[in-house]
mmCIF file of all heavy atoms, coordinates in Angstrom:
data_MODEL
# 
_entry.id   MODEL 
# 
loop_
_atom_site.group_PDB 
_atom_site.id 
_atom_site.type_symbol 
_atom_site.label_atom_id 
_atom_site.label_alt_id 
_atom_site.label_comp_id 
_atom_site.label_asym_id 
_atom_site.label_entity_id 
_atom_site.label_seq_id 
_atom_site.pdbx_PDB_ins_code 
_atom_site.Cartn_x 
_atom_site.Cartn_y 
_atom_site.Cartn_z 
_atom_site.occupancy 
_atom_site.B_iso_or_equiv 
_atom_site.pdbx_formal_charge 
_atom_site.auth_seq_id 
_atom_site.auth_comp_id 
_atom_site.auth_asym_id 
_atom_site.auth_atom_id 
_atom_site.pdbx_PDB_model_num 
ATOM 1   N N   . ALA A 1 1  ? -19.947 42.534 31.972 1.00 0.00 ? 1  ALA A N   1 
ATOM 2   C CA  . ALA A 1 1  ? -20.448 43.886 31.880 1.00 0.00 ? 1  ALA A CA  1 
ATOM 3   C C   . ALA A 1 1  ? -20.796 44.560 33.135 1.00 0.00 ? 1  ALA A C   1 
ATOM 4   O O   . ALA A 1 1  ? -20.456 45.752 33.323 1.00 0.00 ? 1  ALA A O   1 
ATOM 5   C CB  . ALA A 1 1  ? -21.752 43.824 30.949 1.00 0.00 ? 1  ALA A CB  1 
ATOM 6   N N   . GLU A 1 2  ? -21.359 43.873 34.057 1.00 0.00 ? 2  GLU A N   1 
ATOM 7   C CA  . GLU A 1 2  ? -21.705 44.456 35.389 1.00 0.00 ? 2  GLU A CA  1 
ATOM 8   C C   . GLU A 1 2  ? -20.571 44.972 36.109 1.00 0.00 ? 2  GLU A C   1 
ATOM 9   O O   . GLU A 1 2  ? -20.412 46.072 36.618 1.00 0.00 ? 2  GLU A O   1 
ATOM 10  C CB  . GLU A 1 2  ? -22.476 43.483 36.255 1.00 0.00 ? 2  GLU A CB  1 
ATOM 11  C CG  . GLU A 1 2  ? -23.004 44.122 37.527 1.00 0.00 ? 2  GLU A CG  1 
ATOM 12  C CD  . GLU A 1 2  ? -23.912 43.169 38.344 1.00 0.00 ? 2  GLU A CD  1 
ATOM 13  O OE1 . GLU A 1 2  ? -24.126 42.009 37.918 1.00 0.00 ? 2  GLU A OE1 1 
ATOM 14  O OE2 . GLU A 1 2  ? -24.383 43.590 39.403 1.00 0.00 ? 2  GLU A OE2 1 
ATOM 15  N N   . ILE A 1 3  ? -19.473 44.103 36.166 1.00 0.00 ? 3  ILE A N   1 
ATOM 16  C CA  . ILE A 1 3  ? -18.264 44.488 36.886 1.00 0.00 ? 3  ILE A CA  1 
ATOM 17  C C   . ILE A 1 3  ? -17.581 45.627 36.179 1.00 0.00 ? 3  ILE A C   1 
ATOM 18  O O   . ILE A 1 3  ? -17.118 46.614 36.798 1.00 0.00 ? 3  ILE A O   1 
ATOM 19  C CB  . ILE A 1 3  ? -17.265 43.280 36.958 1.00 0.00 ? 3  ILE A CB  1 
ATOM 20  C CG1 . ILE A 1 3  ? -17.920 42.222 37.875 1.00 0.00 ? 3  ILE A CG1 1 
ATOM 21  C CG2 . ILE A 1 3  ? -15.914 43.670 37.518 1.00 0.00 ? 3  ILE A CG2 1 
ATOM 22  C CD1 . ILE A 1 3  ? -17.133 40.923 37.853 1.00 0.00 ? 3  ILE A CD1 1 
ATOM 23  N N   . PHE A 1 4  ? -17.529 45.547 34.872 1.00 0.00 ? 4  PHE A N   1 
ATOM 24  C CA  . PHE A 1 4  ? -16.926 46.687 34.029 1.00 0.00 ? 4  PHE A CA  1 
ATOM 25  C C   . PHE A 1 4  ? -17.592 47.993 34.289 1.00 0.00 ? 4  PHE A C   1 
ATOM 26  O O   . PHE A 1 4  ? -16.942 49.008 34.528 1.00 0.00 ? 4  PHE A O   1 
ATOM 27  C CB  . PHE A 1 4  ? -17.043 46.314 32.605 1.00 0.00 ? 4  PHE A CB  1 
ATOM 28  C CG  . PHE A 1 4  ? -16.315 47.290 31.640 1.00 0.00 ? 4  PHE A CG  1 
ATOM 29  C CD1 . PHE A 1 4  ? -14.959 47.109 31.361 1.00 0.00 ? 4  PHE A CD1 1 
ATOM 30  C CD2 . PHE A 1 4  ? -17.004 48.328 31.124 1.00 0.00 ? 4  PHE A CD2 1 
ATOM 31  C CE1 . PHE A 1 4  ? -14.354 48.000 30.486 1.00 0.00 ? 4  PHE A CE1 1 
ATOM 32  C CE2 . PHE A 1 4  ? -16.373 49.273 30.271 1.00 0.00 ? 4  PHE A CE2 1 
ATOM 33  C CZ  . PHE A 1 4  ? -15.043 49.078 29.901 1.00 0.00 ? 4  PHE A CZ  1 
ATOM 34  N N   . LEU A 1 5  ? -18.906 47.979 34.278 1.00 0.00 ? 5  LEU A N   1 
ATOM 35  C CA  . LEU A 1 5  ? -19.741 49.217 34.477 1.00 0.00 ? 5  LEU A CA  1 
ATOM 36  C C   . LEU A 1 5  ? -19.551 49.788 35.909 1.00 0.00 ? 5  LEU A C   1 
ATOM 37  O O   . LEU A 1 5  ? -19.627 50.973 36.152 1.00 0.00 ? 5  LEU A O   1 
ATOM 38  C CB  . LEU A 1 5  ? -21.162 49.075 34.120 1.00 0.00 ? 5  LEU A CB  1 
ATOM 39  C CG  . LEU A 1 5  ? -21.476 48.879 32.642 1.00 0.00 ? 5  LEU A CG  1 
ATOM 40  C CD1 . LEU A 1 5  ? -22.861 48.314 32.436 1.00 0.00 ? 5  LEU A CD1 1 
ATOM 41  C CD2 . LEU A 1 5  ? -21.191 50.132 31.850 1.00 0.00 ? 5  LEU A CD2 1 
ATOM 42  N N   . LYS A 1 6  ? -19.365 48.950 36.867 1.00 0.00 ? 6  LYS A N   1 
ATOM 43  C CA  . LYS A 1 6  ? -19.233 49.301 38.265 1.00 0.00 ? 6  LYS A CA  1 
ATOM 44  C C   . LYS A 1 6  ? -17.806 49.825 38.583 1.00 0.00 ? 6  LYS A C   1 
ATOM 45  O O   . LYS A 1 6  ? -17.626 50.604 39.521 1.00 0.00 ? 6  LYS A O   1 
ATOM 46  C CB  . LYS A 1 6  ? -19.544 48.174 39.232 1.00 0.00 ? 6  LYS A CB  1 
ATOM 47  C CG  . LYS A 1 6  ? -21.049 47.862 39.311 1.00 0.00 ? 6  LYS A CG  1 
ATOM 48  C CD  . LYS A 1 6  ? -21.258 46.712 40.304 1.00 0.00 ? 6  LYS A CD  1 
ATOM 49  C CE  . LYS A 1 6  ? -22.777 46.536 40.530 1.00 0.00 ? 6  LYS A CE  1 
ATOM 50  N NZ  . LYS A 1 6  ? -23.084 45.303 41.429 1.00 0.00 ? 6  LYS A NZ  1 
ATOM 51  N N   . THR A 1 7  ? -16.816 49.379 37.825 1.00 0.00 ? 7  THR A N   1 
ATOM 52  C CA  . THR A 1 7  ? -15.425 49.705 38.191 1.00 0.00 ? 7  THR A CA  1 
ATOM 53  C C   . THR A 1 7  ? -14.787 50.666 37.249 1.00 0.00 ? 7  THR A C   1 
ATOM 54  O O   . THR A 1 7  ? -13.714 51.195 37.552 1.00 0.00 ? 7  THR A O   1 
ATOM 55  C CB  . THR A 1 7  ? -14.590 48.487 38.230 1.00 0.00 ? 7  THR A CB  1 
ATOM 56  O OG1 . THR A 1 7  ? -14.650 47.764 36.976 1.00 0.00 ? 7  THR A OG1 1 
ATOM 57  C CG2 . THR A 1 7  ? -15.066 47.509 39.272 1.00 0.00 ? 7  THR A CG2 1 
ATOM 58  N N   . ARG A 1 8  ? -15.400 50.987 36.111 1.00 0.00 ? 8  ARG A N   1 
ATOM 59  C CA  . ARG A 1 8  ? -14.804 51.931 35.141 1.00 0.00 ? 8  ARG A CA  1 
ATOM 60  C C   . ARG A 1 8  ? -15.616 53.160 35.145 1.00 0.00 ? 8  ARG A C   1 
ATOM 61  O O   . ARG A 1 8  ? -16.780 53.237 35.449 1.00 0.00 ? 8  ARG A O   1 
ATOM 62  C CB  . ARG A 1 8  ? -14.728 51.284 33.717 1.00 0.00 ? 8  ARG A CB  1 
ATOM 63  C CG  . ARG A 1 8  ? -14.021 49.961 33.672 1.00 0.00 ? 8  ARG A CG  1 
ATOM 64  C CD  . ARG A 1 8  ? -12.490 50.149 33.791 1.00 0.00 ? 8  ARG A CD  1 
ATOM 65  N NE  . ARG A 1 8  ? -11.955 50.624 32.527 1.00 0.00 ? 8  ARG A NE  1 
ATOM 66  C CZ  . ARG A 1 8  ? -11.503 49.830 31.612 1.00 0.00 ? 8  ARG A CZ  1 
ATOM 67  N NH1 . ARG A 1 8  ? -11.385 48.565 31.732 1.00 0.00 ? 8  ARG A NH1 1 
ATOM 68  N NH2 . ARG A 1 8  ? -10.938 50.322 30.479 1.00 0.00 ? 8  ARG A NH2 1 
ATOM 69  N N   . THR A 1 9  ? -14.956 54.245 34.700 1.00 0.00 ? 9  THR A N   1 
ATOM 70  C CA  . THR A 1 9  ? -15.607 55.560 34.753 1.00 0.00 ? 9  THR A CA  1 
ATOM 71  C C   . THR A 1 9  ? -15.849 56.156 33.373 1.00 0.00 ? 9  THR A C   1 
ATOM 72  O O   . THR A 1 9  ? -16.359 57.263 33.251 1.00 0.00 ? 9  THR A O   1 
ATOM 73  C CB  . THR A 1 9  ? -14.798 56.558 35.624 1.00 0.00 ? 9  THR A CB  1 
ATOM 74  O OG1 . THR A 1 9  ? -13.486 56.646 35.018 1.00 0.00 ? 9  THR A OG1 1 
ATOM 75  C CG2 . THR A 1 9  ? -14.691 56.053 37.029 1.00 0.00 ? 9  THR A CG2 1 
ATOM 76  N N   . GLU A 1 10 ? -15.472 55.458 32.316 1.00 0.00 ? 10 GLU A N   1 
ATOM 77  C CA  . GLU A 1 10 ? -15.597 56.074 30.966 1.00 0.00 ? 10 GLU A CA  1 
ATOM 78  C C   . GLU A 1 10 ? -17.070 56.323 30.631 1.00 0.00 ? 10 GLU A C   1 
ATOM 79  O O   . GLU A 1 10 ? -17.908 55.595 30.978 1.00 0.00 ? 10 GLU A O   1 
ATOM 80  C CB  . GLU A 1 10 ? -15.043 55.074 29.886 1.00 0.00 ? 10 GLU A CB  1 
ATOM 81  C CG  . GLU A 1 10 ? -13.533 54.932 29.991 1.00 0.00 ? 10 GLU A CG  1 
ATOM 82  C CD  . GLU A 1 10 ? -13.074 53.737 30.845 1.00 0.00 ? 10 GLU A CD  1 
ATOM 83  O OE1 . GLU A 1 10 ? -13.907 53.275 31.675 1.00 0.00 ? 10 GLU A OE1 1 
ATOM 84  O OE2 . GLU A 1 10 ? -12.039 53.233 30.714 1.00 0.00 ? 10 GLU A OE2 1 
ATOM 85  N N   . GLU A 1 11 ? -17.274 57.381 29.899 1.00 0.00 ? 11 GLU A N   1 
ATOM 86  C CA  . GLU A 1 11 ? -18.614 57.721 29.447 1.00 0.00 ? 11 GLU A CA  1 
ATOM 87  C C   . GLU A 1 11 ? -18.793 57.313 27.964 1.00 0.00 ? 11 GLU A C   1 
ATOM 88  O O   . GLU A 1 11 ? -17.860 57.399 27.200 1.00 0.00 ? 11 GLU A O   1 
ATOM 89  C CB  . GLU A 1 11 ? -18.885 59.273 29.618 1.00 0.00 ? 11 GLU A CB  1 
ATOM 90  C CG  . GLU A 1 11 ? -18.916 59.712 31.027 1.00 0.00 ? 11 GLU A CG  1 
ATOM 91  C CD  . GLU A 1 11 ? -20.191 59.361 31.741 1.00 0.00 ? 11 GLU A CD  1 
ATOM 92  O OE1 . GLU A 1 11 ? -21.233 59.253 31.055 1.00 0.00 ? 11 GLU A OE1 1 
ATOM 93  O OE2 . GLU A 1 11 ? -20.155 59.146 32.953 1.00 0.00 ? 11 GLU A OE2 1 
ATOM 94  N N   . TYR A 1 12 ? -19.980 56.951 27.542 1.00 0.00 ? 12 TYR A N   1 
ATOM 95  C CA  . TYR A 1 12 ? -20.262 56.553 26.181 1.00 0.00 ? 12 TYR A CA  1 
ATOM 96  C C   . TYR A 1 12 ? -21.541 57.281 25.724 1.00 0.00 ? 12 TYR A C   1 
ATOM 97  O O   . TYR A 1 12 ? -22.329 57.795 26.509 1.00 0.00 ? 12 TYR A O   1 
ATOM 98  C CB  . TYR A 1 12 ? -20.516 55.039 26.095 1.00 0.00 ? 12 TYR A CB  1 
ATOM 99  C CG  . TYR A 1 12 ? -19.275 54.258 26.550 1.00 0.00 ? 12 TYR A CG  1 
ATOM 100 C CD1 . TYR A 1 12 ? -19.109 53.879 27.853 1.00 0.00 ? 12 TYR A CD1 1 
ATOM 101 C CD2 . TYR A 1 12 ? -18.263 53.970 25.615 1.00 0.00 ? 12 TYR A CD2 1 
ATOM 102 C CE1 . TYR A 1 12 ? -17.980 53.224 28.240 1.00 0.00 ? 12 TYR A CE1 1 
ATOM 103 C CE2 . TYR A 1 12 ? -17.164 53.240 26.006 1.00 0.00 ? 12 TYR A CE2 1 
ATOM 104 C CZ  . TYR A 1 12 ? -16.973 52.908 27.320 1.00 0.00 ? 12 TYR A CZ  1 
ATOM 105 O OH  . TYR A 1 12 ? -15.904 52.156 27.689 1.00 0.00 ? 12 TYR A OH  1 
ATOM 106 N N   . ASP A 1 13 ? -21.702 57.389 24.363 1.00 0.00 ? 13 ASP A N   1 
ATOM 107 C CA  . ASP A 1 13 ? -22.921 58.000 23.822 1.00 0.00 ? 13 ASP A CA  1 
ATOM 108 C C   . ASP A 1 13 ? -24.082 56.950 23.792 1.00 0.00 ? 13 ASP A C   1 
ATOM 109 O O   . ASP A 1 13 ? -25.243 57.347 24.033 1.00 0.00 ? 13 ASP A O   1 
ATOM 110 C CB  . ASP A 1 13 ? -22.589 58.440 22.362 1.00 0.00 ? 13 ASP A CB  1 
ATOM 111 C CG  . ASP A 1 13 ? -21.568 59.571 22.366 1.00 0.00 ? 13 ASP A CG  1 
ATOM 112 O OD1 . ASP A 1 13 ? -21.847 60.640 22.922 1.00 0.00 ? 13 ASP A OD1 1 
ATOM 113 O OD2 . ASP A 1 13 ? -20.525 59.338 21.836 1.00 0.00 ? 13 ASP A OD2 1 
ATOM 114 N N   . VAL A 1 14 ? -23.778 55.708 23.580 1.00 0.00 ? 14 VAL A N   1 
ATOM 115 C CA  . VAL A 1 14 ? -24.730 54.617 23.611 1.00 0.00 ? 14 VAL A CA  1 
ATOM 116 C C   . VAL A 1 14 ? -24.201 53.414 24.126 1.00 0.00 ? 14 VAL A C   1 
ATOM 117 O O   . VAL A 1 14 ? -23.045 52.989 23.877 1.00 0.00 ? 14 VAL A O   1 
ATOM 118 C CB  . VAL A 1 14 ? -25.297 54.313 22.191 1.00 0.00 ? 14 VAL A CB  1 
ATOM 119 C CG1 . VAL A 1 14 ? -26.422 53.313 22.225 1.00 0.00 ? 14 VAL A CG1 1 
ATOM 120 C CG2 . VAL A 1 14 ? -25.757 55.578 21.439 1.00 0.00 ? 14 VAL A CG2 1 
ATOM 121 N N   . ILE A 1 15 ? -24.926 52.630 24.924 1.00 0.00 ? 15 ILE A N   1 
ATOM 122 C CA  . ILE A 1 15 ? -24.563 51.358 25.444 1.00 0.00 ? 15 ILE A CA  1 
ATOM 123 C C   . ILE A 1 15 ? -25.532 50.295 24.903 1.00 0.00 ? 15 ILE A C   1 
ATOM 124 O O   . ILE A 1 15 ? -26.783 50.540 24.949 1.00 0.00 ? 15 ILE A O   1 
ATOM 125 C CB  . ILE A 1 15 ? -24.429 51.253 26.972 1.00 0.00 ? 15 ILE A CB  1 
ATOM 126 C CG1 . ILE A 1 15 ? -23.270 52.117 27.499 1.00 0.00 ? 15 ILE A CG1 1 
ATOM 127 C CG2 . ILE A 1 15 ? -24.246 49.862 27.476 1.00 0.00 ? 15 ILE A CG2 1 
ATOM 128 C CD1 . ILE A 1 15 ? -23.106 52.183 29.006 1.00 0.00 ? 15 ILE A CD1 1 
ATOM 129 N N   . TYR A 1 16 ? -25.048 49.189 24.421 1.00 0.00 ? 16 TYR A N   1 
ATOM 130 C CA  . TYR A 1 16 ? -25.864 48.228 23.674 1.00 0.00 ? 16 TYR A CA  1 
ATOM 131 C C   . TYR A 1 16 ? -25.805 46.864 24.374 1.00 0.00 ? 16 TYR A C   1 
ATOM 132 O O   . TYR A 1 16 ? -24.735 46.411 24.781 1.00 0.00 ? 16 TYR A O   1 
ATOM 133 C CB  . TYR A 1 16 ? -25.324 48.173 22.260 1.00 0.00 ? 16 TYR A CB  1 
ATOM 134 C CG  . TYR A 1 16 ? -25.992 47.124 21.357 1.00 0.00 ? 16 TYR A CG  1 
ATOM 135 C CD1 . TYR A 1 16 ? -27.326 47.172 21.069 1.00 0.00 ? 16 TYR A CD1 1 
ATOM 136 C CD2 . TYR A 1 16 ? -25.197 46.124 20.812 1.00 0.00 ? 16 TYR A CD2 1 
ATOM 137 C CE1 . TYR A 1 16 ? -27.958 46.218 20.266 1.00 0.00 ? 16 TYR A CE1 1 
ATOM 138 C CE2 . TYR A 1 16 ? -25.826 45.170 19.976 1.00 0.00 ? 16 TYR A CE2 1 
ATOM 139 C CZ  . TYR A 1 16 ? -27.157 45.282 19.656 1.00 0.00 ? 16 TYR A CZ  1 
ATOM 140 O OH  . TYR A 1 16 ? -27.805 44.330 18.803 1.00 0.00 ? 16 TYR A OH  1 
ATOM 141 N N   . PHE A 1 17 ? -26.939 46.224 24.420 1.00 0.00 ? 17 PHE A N   1 
ATOM 142 C CA  . PHE A 1 17 ? -27.041 44.833 24.913 1.00 0.00 ? 17 PHE A CA  1 
ATOM 143 C C   . PHE A 1 17 ? -27.739 43.989 23.883 1.00 0.00 ? 17 PHE A C   1 
ATOM 144 O O   . PHE A 1 17 ? -28.800 44.353 23.424 1.00 0.00 ? 17 PHE A O   1 
ATOM 145 C CB  . PHE A 1 17 ? -27.861 44.742 26.208 1.00 0.00 ? 17 PHE A CB  1 
ATOM 146 C CG  . PHE A 1 17 ? -27.180 45.392 27.387 1.00 0.00 ? 17 PHE A CG  1 
ATOM 147 C CD1 . PHE A 1 17 ? -27.469 46.737 27.780 1.00 0.00 ? 17 PHE A CD1 1 
ATOM 148 C CD2 . PHE A 1 17 ? -26.327 44.694 28.203 1.00 0.00 ? 17 PHE A CD2 1 
ATOM 149 C CE1 . PHE A 1 17 ? -26.832 47.306 28.874 1.00 0.00 ? 17 PHE A CE1 1 
ATOM 150 C CE2 . PHE A 1 17 ? -25.743 45.274 29.333 1.00 0.00 ? 17 PHE A CE2 1 
ATOM 151 C CZ  . PHE A 1 17 ? -25.946 46.567 29.634 1.00 0.00 ? 17 PHE A CZ  1 
ATOM 152 N N   . ASP A 1 18 ? -27.153 42.845 23.629 1.00 0.00 ? 18 ASP A N   1 
ATOM 153 C CA  . ASP A 1 18 ? -27.822 41.825 22.706 1.00 0.00 ? 18 ASP A CA  1 
ATOM 154 C C   . ASP A 1 18 ? -27.774 40.486 23.461 1.00 0.00 ? 18 ASP A C   1 
ATOM 155 O O   . ASP A 1 18 ? -26.929 39.622 23.179 1.00 0.00 ? 18 ASP A O   1 
ATOM 156 C CB  . ASP A 1 18 ? -27.100 41.750 21.403 1.00 0.00 ? 18 ASP A CB  1 
ATOM 157 C CG  . ASP A 1 18 ? -27.712 40.666 20.472 1.00 0.00 ? 18 ASP A CG  1 
ATOM 158 O OD1 . ASP A 1 18 ? -28.786 40.129 20.839 1.00 0.00 ? 18 ASP A OD1 1 
ATOM 159 O OD2 . ASP A 1 18 ? -27.053 40.359 19.379 1.00 0.00 ? 18 ASP A OD2 1 
ATOM 160 N N   . PRO A 1 19 ? -28.607 40.312 24.494 1.00 0.00 ? 19 PRO A N   1 
ATOM 161 C CA  . PRO A 1 19 ? -28.561 39.056 25.279 1.00 0.00 ? 19 PRO A CA  1 
ATOM 162 C C   . PRO A 1 19 ? -28.917 37.847 24.501 1.00 0.00 ? 19 PRO A C   1 
ATOM 163 O O   . PRO A 1 19 ? -29.681 37.969 23.489 1.00 0.00 ? 19 PRO A O   1 
ATOM 164 C CB  . PRO A 1 19 ? -29.520 39.301 26.421 1.00 0.00 ? 19 PRO A CB  1 
ATOM 165 C CG  . PRO A 1 19 ? -30.539 40.326 25.850 1.00 0.00 ? 19 PRO A CG  1 
ATOM 166 C CD  . PRO A 1 19 ? -29.710 41.183 24.981 1.00 0.00 ? 19 PRO A CD  1 
ATOM 167 N N   . MET A 1 20 ? -28.434 36.697 24.887 1.00 0.00 ? 20 MET A N   1 
ATOM 168 C CA  . MET A 1 20 ? -28.765 35.436 24.250 1.00 0.00 ? 20 MET A CA  1 
ATOM 169 C C   . MET A 1 20 ? -30.245 35.160 24.315 1.00 0.00 ? 20 MET A C   1 
ATOM 170 O O   . MET A 1 20 ? -30.860 35.171 25.356 1.00 0.00 ? 20 MET A O   1 
ATOM 171 C CB  . MET A 1 20 ? -27.978 34.293 24.873 1.00 0.00 ? 20 MET A CB  1 
ATOM 172 C CG  . MET A 1 20 ? -28.192 32.933 24.255 1.00 0.00 ? 20 MET A CG  1 
ATOM 173 S SD  . MET A 1 20 ? -27.486 32.670 22.676 1.00 0.00 ? 20 MET A SD  1 
ATOM 174 C CE  . MET A 1 20 ? -25.739 32.566 23.075 1.00 0.00 ? 20 MET A CE  1 
ATOM 175 N N   . PHE A 1 21 ? -30.833 34.923 23.146 1.00 0.00 ? 21 PHE A N   1 
ATOM 176 C CA  . PHE A 1 21 ? -32.246 34.543 23.146 1.00 0.00 ? 21 PHE A CA  1 
ATOM 177 C C   . PHE A 1 21 ? -32.473 33.176 23.791 1.00 0.00 ? 21 PHE A C   1 
ATOM 178 O O   . PHE A 1 21 ? -31.598 32.205 23.641 1.00 0.00 ? 21 PHE A O   1 
ATOM 179 C CB  . PHE A 1 21 ? -32.775 34.392 21.698 1.00 0.00 ? 21 PHE A CB  1 
ATOM 180 C CG  . PHE A 1 21 ? -32.767 35.666 20.932 1.00 0.00 ? 21 PHE A CG  1 
ATOM 181 C CD1 . PHE A 1 21 ? -32.585 35.724 19.551 1.00 0.00 ? 21 PHE A CD1 1 
ATOM 182 C CD2 . PHE A 1 21 ? -33.040 36.957 21.569 1.00 0.00 ? 21 PHE A CD2 1 
ATOM 183 C CE1 . PHE A 1 21 ? -32.646 36.908 18.816 1.00 0.00 ? 21 PHE A CE1 1 
ATOM 184 C CE2 . PHE A 1 21 ? -33.060 38.129 20.864 1.00 0.00 ? 21 PHE A CE2 1 
ATOM 185 C CZ  . PHE A 1 21 ? -32.903 38.093 19.505 1.00 0.00 ? 21 PHE A CZ  1 
ATOM 186 N N   . GLU A 1 22 ? -33.491 33.011 24.654 1.00 0.00 ? 22 GLU A N   1 
ATOM 187 C CA  . GLU A 1 22 ? -33.833 31.750 25.238 1.00 0.00 ? 22 GLU A CA  1 
ATOM 188 C C   . GLU A 1 22 ? -34.074 30.704 24.274 1.00 0.00 ? 22 GLU A C   1 
ATOM 189 O O   . GLU A 1 22 ? -33.660 29.526 24.459 1.00 0.00 ? 22 GLU A O   1 
ATOM 190 C CB  . GLU A 1 22 ? -34.964 31.951 26.280 1.00 0.00 ? 22 GLU A CB  1 
ATOM 191 C CG  . GLU A 1 22 ? -34.580 32.849 27.468 1.00 0.00 ? 22 GLU A CG  1 
ATOM 192 C CD  . GLU A 1 22 ? -35.740 32.869 28.428 1.00 0.00 ? 22 GLU A CD  1 
ATOM 193 O OE1 . GLU A 1 22 ? -36.674 32.010 28.320 1.00 0.00 ? 22 GLU A OE1 1 
ATOM 194 O OE2 . GLU A 1 22 ? -35.711 33.670 29.380 1.00 0.00 ? 22 GLU A OE2 1 
ATOM 195 N N   . THR A 1 23 ? -34.768 31.058 23.207 1.00 0.00 ? 23 THR A N   1 
ATOM 196 C CA  . THR A 1 23 ? -35.110 30.102 22.141 1.00 0.00 ? 23 THR A CA  1 
ATOM 197 C C   . THR A 1 23 ? -34.347 30.444 20.925 1.00 0.00 ? 23 THR A C   1 
ATOM 198 O O   . THR A 1 23 ? -34.377 31.626 20.462 1.00 0.00 ? 23 THR A O   1 
ATOM 199 C CB  . THR A 1 23 ? -36.609 30.054 21.821 1.00 0.00 ? 23 THR A CB  1 
ATOM 200 O OG1 . THR A 1 23 ? -37.353 29.821 22.969 1.00 0.00 ? 23 THR A OG1 1 
ATOM 201 C CG2 . THR A 1 23 ? -36.959 29.037 20.764 1.00 0.00 ? 23 THR A CG2 1 
ATOM 202 N N   . PRO A 1 24 ? -33.456 29.557 20.339 1.00 0.00 ? 24 PRO A N   1 
ATOM 203 C CA  . PRO A 1 24 ? -32.575 29.973 19.251 1.00 0.00 ? 24 PRO A CA  1 
ATOM 204 C C   . PRO A 1 24 ? -33.468 30.401 18.083 1.00 0.00 ? 24 PRO A C   1 
ATOM 205 O O   . PRO A 1 24 ? -34.514 29.916 17.791 1.00 0.00 ? 24 PRO A O   1 
ATOM 206 C CB  . PRO A 1 24 ? -31.850 28.628 18.959 1.00 0.00 ? 24 PRO A CB  1 
ATOM 207 C CG  . PRO A 1 24 ? -31.969 27.783 20.183 1.00 0.00 ? 24 PRO A CG  1 
ATOM 208 C CD  . PRO A 1 24 ? -33.260 28.224 20.783 1.00 0.00 ? 24 PRO A CD  1 
# 
């Protein structure tokens, strides 16, 4: 995601993150 956001120029209405929970 970091590389994608730094190298691409497309605009979006919403960007979403669902990171892995530390405790399942």
